């Protein structure tokens, strides 16, 4: 998947550590568009909830770091199954994103599925792990270097009602992918220990359509389908919220989203 410019629309999310008073990586966010005039940053709501009232920053590929001004979070009953937070791009905040190094992913669906029905399908999770050796933050030079992870797996469609209830999984809301950390394979089908996925919540999720080769898969098309939001370690699963659910939330709450800006 190296040929796909994931980093133009997915960015590291940073917070200030209370103990060290330094920036640290805490997650990922994704730039999306409703149409050619309305753009939204999507975060995972649980990332913002965990960070409380402390400021949150976004590191962009053009070298700029900007504070997240506001986000409308989903909340359904006591449990938030959708788990997203939405920030519209408006005013001065929006101008930072007007850069050739930055692009957005469509919330609408115009992918020609019928053209790729004969190809194998993979699920791709992309994001920036929480602070570890992959993060380098130099405040003197005002630079942030973050190495992302790209996890490619297969979709899991069938789970028991008991597991779905326990882990708050709803097939109409969620996409699931298999993730066995010690049994994953790289693009050359060599088994390797996969990187820790914590921190990629808020990152984009794709369906990749590939032609299966003898030694490696050949990418034919890729389609943005959702936002990653949870690693279910005990079930060896990654979970994402479907983009049509996010689109519905934004459309239902447009007035409220813009009211807070």
Protein backbone atom coordinates (compact mmCIF):
# COMPACT_ATOMS: atom_id res chain seq x y z
CA UNK A 1 0.00 0.00 0.00
CA UNK A 2 3.05 2.26 -0.19
CA UNK A 3 1.73 3.83 -3.38
CA UNK A 4 -1.33 5.28 -1.59
CA UNK A 5 -0.82 8.80 -0.09
CA UNK A 6 -2.64 8.09 3.19
CA UNK A 7 -0.74 10.83 5.05
CA UNK A 8 -2.28 13.63 2.97
CA UNK A 9 -5.64 13.17 4.72
CA UNK A 10 -4.74 11.51 8.07
CA UNK A 11 -2.81 13.42 10.73
CA UNK A 12 -1.32 12.79 14.19
CA UNK A 13 -3.30 14.07 17.16
CA UNK A 14 -1.20 15.52 20.00
CA UNK A 15 -1.81 16.40 23.62
CA UNK A 16 0.28 17.95 26.41
CA UNK A 17 1.40 15.44 29.01
CA UNK A 18 0.54 16.78 32.49
CA UNK A 19 3.62 15.23 34.08
CA UNK A 20 6.25 16.31 31.55
CA UNK A 21 4.40 19.34 30.11
CA UNK A 22 5.45 18.16 26.64
CA UNK A 23 3.50 17.23 23.54
CA UNK A 24 2.83 13.54 22.98
CA UNK A 25 1.02 11.55 20.32
CA UNK A 26 -2.45 10.47 21.46
CA UNK A 27 -4.25 9.45 18.29
CA UNK A 28 -5.15 10.14 14.68
CA UNK A 29 -7.69 12.30 12.85
CA UNK A 30 -8.98 12.26 9.28
CA UNK A 31 -9.94 15.09 6.93
CA UNK A 32 -13.20 14.38 5.09
CA UNK A 33 -15.55 16.28 2.80
CA UNK A 34 -19.32 16.40 2.52
CA UNK A 35 -19.04 18.15 -0.85
CA UNK A 36 -16.61 20.54 -2.54
CA UNK A 37 -17.34 23.31 -0.03
CA UNK A 38 -17.82 21.60 3.35
CA UNK A 39 -14.93 19.83 5.04
CA UNK A 40 -14.72 18.12 8.43
CA UNK A 41 -12.02 16.71 10.68
CA UNK A 42 -13.06 13.41 12.22
CA UNK A 43 -11.60 12.26 15.54
CA UNK A 44 -12.55 9.40 17.82
CA UNK A 45 -14.75 10.72 20.61
CA UNK A 46 -13.06 8.52 23.21
CA UNK A 47 -9.69 10.17 22.47
CA UNK A 48 -11.14 13.60 23.24
CA UNK A 49 -13.02 12.28 26.27
CA UNK A 50 -9.86 10.78 27.70
CA UNK A 51 -8.00 14.06 27.25
CA UNK A 52 -10.74 16.09 28.94
CA UNK A 53 -10.50 19.88 28.78
CA UNK A 54 -6.80 19.90 27.95
CA UNK A 55 -5.88 21.37 24.55
CA UNK A 56 -5.52 19.02 21.59
CA UNK A 57 -3.36 19.72 18.55
CA UNK A 58 -3.22 18.43 14.98
CA UNK A 59 0.14 18.01 13.21
CA UNK A 60 -0.20 18.61 9.46
CA UNK A 61 2.05 17.36 6.64
CA UNK A 62 2.90 20.95 5.70
CA UNK A 63 4.81 21.26 8.99
CA UNK A 64 2.17 23.29 10.82
CA UNK A 65 0.59 22.35 14.14
CA UNK A 66 -2.82 23.77 15.00
CA UNK A 67 -5.04 23.52 18.07
CA UNK A 68 -8.39 21.78 17.61
CA UNK A 69 -10.94 24.52 18.41
CA UNK A 70 -14.03 22.40 18.96
CA UNK A 71 -15.59 19.02 18.23
CA UNK A 72 -19.17 17.78 18.40
CA UNK A 73 -19.08 14.28 19.84
CA UNK A 74 -21.57 11.49 19.32
CA UNK A 75 -23.32 10.04 22.31
CA UNK A 76 -25.92 7.30 22.09
CA UNK A 77 -27.42 6.39 25.46
CA UNK A 78 -24.76 5.34 27.99
CA UNK A 79 -22.55 3.75 25.33
CA UNK A 80 -21.26 5.60 22.29
CA UNK A 81 -21.18 2.96 19.55
CA UNK A 82 -20.46 5.49 16.80
CA UNK A 83 -17.56 7.07 18.73
CA UNK A 84 -16.71 10.05 16.52
CA UNK A 85 -16.06 13.75 17.05
CA UNK A 86 -16.59 16.25 14.24
CA UNK A 87 -14.90 19.62 13.66
CA UNK A 88 -15.85 21.73 10.62
CA UNK A 89 -13.19 23.62 8.69
CA UNK A 90 -14.15 27.28 8.89
CA UNK A 91 -12.46 30.69 9.03
CA UNK A 92 -8.84 30.98 10.05
CA UNK A 93 -8.78 27.35 11.17
CA UNK A 94 -9.66 26.23 7.63
CA UNK A 95 -6.95 28.27 5.90
CA UNK A 96 -4.21 26.13 7.45
CA UNK A 97 -5.50 23.18 5.43
CA UNK A 98 -5.31 24.97 2.07
CA UNK A 99 -2.10 23.29 0.99
CA UNK A 100 -1.12 21.01 -1.88
CA UNK A 101 0.19 18.45 0.61
CA UNK A 102 -3.29 18.02 2.12
CA UNK A 103 -6.32 16.29 0.65
CA UNK A 104 -9.70 15.08 1.89
CA UNK A 105 -11.64 11.83 1.72
CA UNK A 106 -15.27 11.72 0.51
CA UNK A 107 -18.07 10.94 2.94
CA UNK A 108 -20.40 10.31 0.00
CA UNK A 109 -20.14 6.99 -1.81
CA UNK A 110 -19.49 6.97 -5.55
CA UNK A 111 -17.17 3.97 -5.74
CA UNK A 112 -17.83 1.68 -8.76
CA UNK A 113 -18.14 -1.58 -6.81
CA UNK A 114 -19.30 -3.52 -9.84
CA UNK A 115 -15.96 -2.90 -11.57
CA UNK A 116 -14.02 -4.67 -8.81
CA UNK A 117 -16.36 -7.45 -7.70
CA UNK A 118 -14.02 -10.10 -9.12
CA UNK A 119 -11.03 -8.97 -7.05
CA UNK A 120 -10.08 -10.01 -3.54
CA UNK A 121 -10.95 -7.47 -0.86
CA UNK A 122 -8.73 -6.38 2.01
CA UNK A 123 -9.43 -4.04 4.94
CA UNK A 124 -6.79 -1.36 5.56
CA UNK A 125 -6.47 0.57 8.84
CA UNK A 126 -4.15 3.58 8.79
CA UNK A 127 -3.03 5.81 11.64
CA UNK A 128 -0.36 7.12 13.98
CA UNK A 129 0.36 5.05 17.10
CA UNK A 130 0.34 6.79 20.46
CA UNK A 131 3.72 8.20 21.55
CA UNK A 132 6.56 5.74 21.31
CA UNK A 133 9.75 5.49 19.29
CA UNK A 134 7.73 6.36 16.17
CA UNK A 135 7.17 9.92 17.42
CA UNK A 136 9.84 12.64 17.37
CA UNK A 137 8.84 16.10 18.58
CA UNK A 138 11.36 18.94 18.42
CA UNK A 139 9.83 22.05 19.96
CA UNK A 140 12.91 24.19 19.23
CA UNK A 141 12.66 23.51 15.50
CA UNK A 142 8.86 23.28 15.69
CA UNK A 143 8.90 19.97 13.84
CA UNK A 144 6.98 16.77 14.44
CA UNK A 145 7.91 13.52 12.81
CA UNK A 146 5.52 10.64 13.19
CA UNK A 147 5.79 7.26 11.54
CA UNK A 148 2.37 5.86 10.73
CA UNK A 149 1.26 2.24 10.59
CA UNK A 150 -0.78 0.63 7.84
CA UNK A 151 -2.50 -2.62 8.82
CA UNK A 152 -3.95 -4.76 6.04
CA UNK A 153 -6.23 -7.64 6.92
CA UNK A 154 -9.47 -9.37 5.99
CA UNK A 155 -12.99 -8.38 6.93
CA UNK A 156 -14.83 -10.32 9.64
CA UNK A 157 -18.55 -10.44 8.92
CA UNK A 158 -19.86 -13.15 11.20
CA UNK A 159 -19.71 -12.93 14.99
CA UNK A 160 -21.98 -14.34 17.65
CA UNK A 161 -24.74 -12.24 19.19
CA UNK A 162 -23.08 -12.73 22.59
CA UNK A 163 -19.77 -11.24 21.41
CA UNK A 164 -21.55 -8.43 19.54
CA UNK A 165 -23.49 -7.47 22.66
CA UNK A 166 -20.49 -7.65 24.98
CA UNK A 167 -18.28 -5.49 22.73
CA UNK A 168 -21.05 -3.14 21.54
CA UNK A 169 -20.68 -4.27 17.93
CA UNK A 170 -23.44 -3.45 15.45
CA UNK A 171 -22.85 -4.69 11.87
CA UNK A 172 -24.94 -1.81 10.53
CA UNK A 173 -22.58 0.67 12.21
CA UNK A 174 -19.25 -1.13 12.24
CA UNK A 175 -16.62 -2.80 10.08
CA UNK A 176 -14.50 -5.52 11.68
CA UNK A 177 -11.10 -6.83 10.61
CA UNK A 178 -8.98 -9.66 11.92
CA UNK A 179 -5.86 -8.55 13.80
CA UNK A 180 -3.65 -11.23 15.34
CA UNK A 181 -0.57 -9.25 16.27
CA UNK A 182 1.86 -12.19 16.09
CA UNK A 183 0.36 -13.75 12.97
CA UNK A 184 0.14 -10.81 10.56
CA UNK A 185 1.98 -10.78 7.22
CA UNK A 186 3.65 -7.98 5.30
CA UNK A 187 2.94 -7.13 1.66
CA UNK A 188 5.32 -9.93 0.62
CA UNK A 189 3.31 -12.40 2.73
CA UNK A 190 6.12 -12.82 5.24
CA UNK A 191 4.82 -13.37 8.76
CA UNK A 192 5.84 -10.59 11.16
CA UNK A 193 4.81 -9.21 14.52
CA UNK A 194 2.51 -6.32 13.73
CA UNK A 195 2.95 -2.88 15.34
CA UNK A 196 0.83 -1.93 18.30
CA UNK A 197 -2.40 -0.36 16.95
CA UNK A 198 -3.15 1.84 19.96
CA UNK A 199 -3.41 5.43 18.75
CA UNK A 200 -4.75 4.74 15.28
CA UNK A 201 -8.30 5.43 16.44
CA UNK A 202 -9.62 8.28 14.32
CA UNK A 203 -7.60 7.17 11.30
CA UNK A 204 -9.16 6.25 7.95
CA UNK A 205 -10.20 2.74 7.01
CA UNK A 206 -10.33 1.49 3.43
CA UNK A 207 -11.42 -1.46 1.38
CA UNK A 208 -8.58 -2.35 -0.99
CA UNK A 209 -9.33 -4.45 -4.04
CA UNK A 210 -6.34 -6.52 -5.10
CA UNK A 211 -5.25 -9.02 -7.66
CA UNK A 212 -3.69 -11.87 -5.78
CA UNK A 213 -0.23 -12.72 -7.10
CA UNK A 214 2.08 -15.61 -6.34
CA UNK A 215 4.33 -13.53 -4.09
CA UNK A 216 2.39 -10.31 -3.45
CA UNK A 217 -0.97 -8.67 -4.06
CA UNK A 218 -1.35 -6.01 -6.74
CA UNK A 219 -3.56 -3.07 -5.75
CA UNK A 220 -6.32 -2.33 -8.27
CA UNK A 221 -8.51 0.14 -6.37
CA UNK A 222 -9.02 1.54 -2.88
CA UNK A 223 -12.14 3.01 -1.28
CA UNK A 224 -12.49 5.02 1.94
CA UNK A 225 -15.16 3.28 4.03
CA UNK A 226 -14.87 4.42 7.65
CA UNK A 227 -12.95 5.60 10.71
CA UNK A 228 -11.08 3.24 13.04
CA UNK A 229 -12.15 3.41 16.65
CA UNK A 230 -11.18 0.38 18.71
CA UNK A 231 -8.76 -2.51 19.11
CA UNK A 232 -10.57 -5.47 20.66
CA UNK A 233 -7.46 -7.25 21.87
CA UNK A 234 -9.25 -10.17 23.54
CA UNK A 235 -11.04 -10.99 20.27
CA UNK A 236 -8.12 -10.15 17.92
CA UNK A 237 -10.27 -7.62 16.07
CA UNK A 238 -10.04 -4.04 14.85
CA UNK A 239 -13.30 -2.07 14.72
CA UNK A 240 -14.28 0.91 12.59
CA UNK A 241 -17.35 3.13 12.25
CA UNK A 242 -18.81 3.06 8.74
CA UNK A 243 -18.58 6.34 6.83
CA UNK A 244 -22.30 6.32 5.98
CA UNK A 245 -23.00 6.45 9.73
CA UNK A 246 -20.64 9.43 10.06
CA UNK A 247 -22.29 11.13 7.08
CA UNK A 248 -25.71 10.64 8.64
CA UNK A 249 -24.53 12.10 11.95
CA UNK A 250 -23.09 15.18 10.24
CA UNK A 251 -26.20 15.78 8.13
CA UNK A 252 -28.47 15.38 11.16
CA UNK A 253 -26.39 17.81 13.22
CA UNK A 254 -25.17 20.42 10.72
CA UNK A 255 -26.80 23.34 12.54
CA UNK A 256 -25.44 22.22 15.89
CA UNK A 257 -21.94 21.62 14.46
CA UNK A 258 -21.74 25.12 12.99
CA UNK A 259 -23.42 26.73 15.99
CA UNK A 260 -20.45 25.94 18.25
CA UNK A 261 -17.85 27.46 15.95
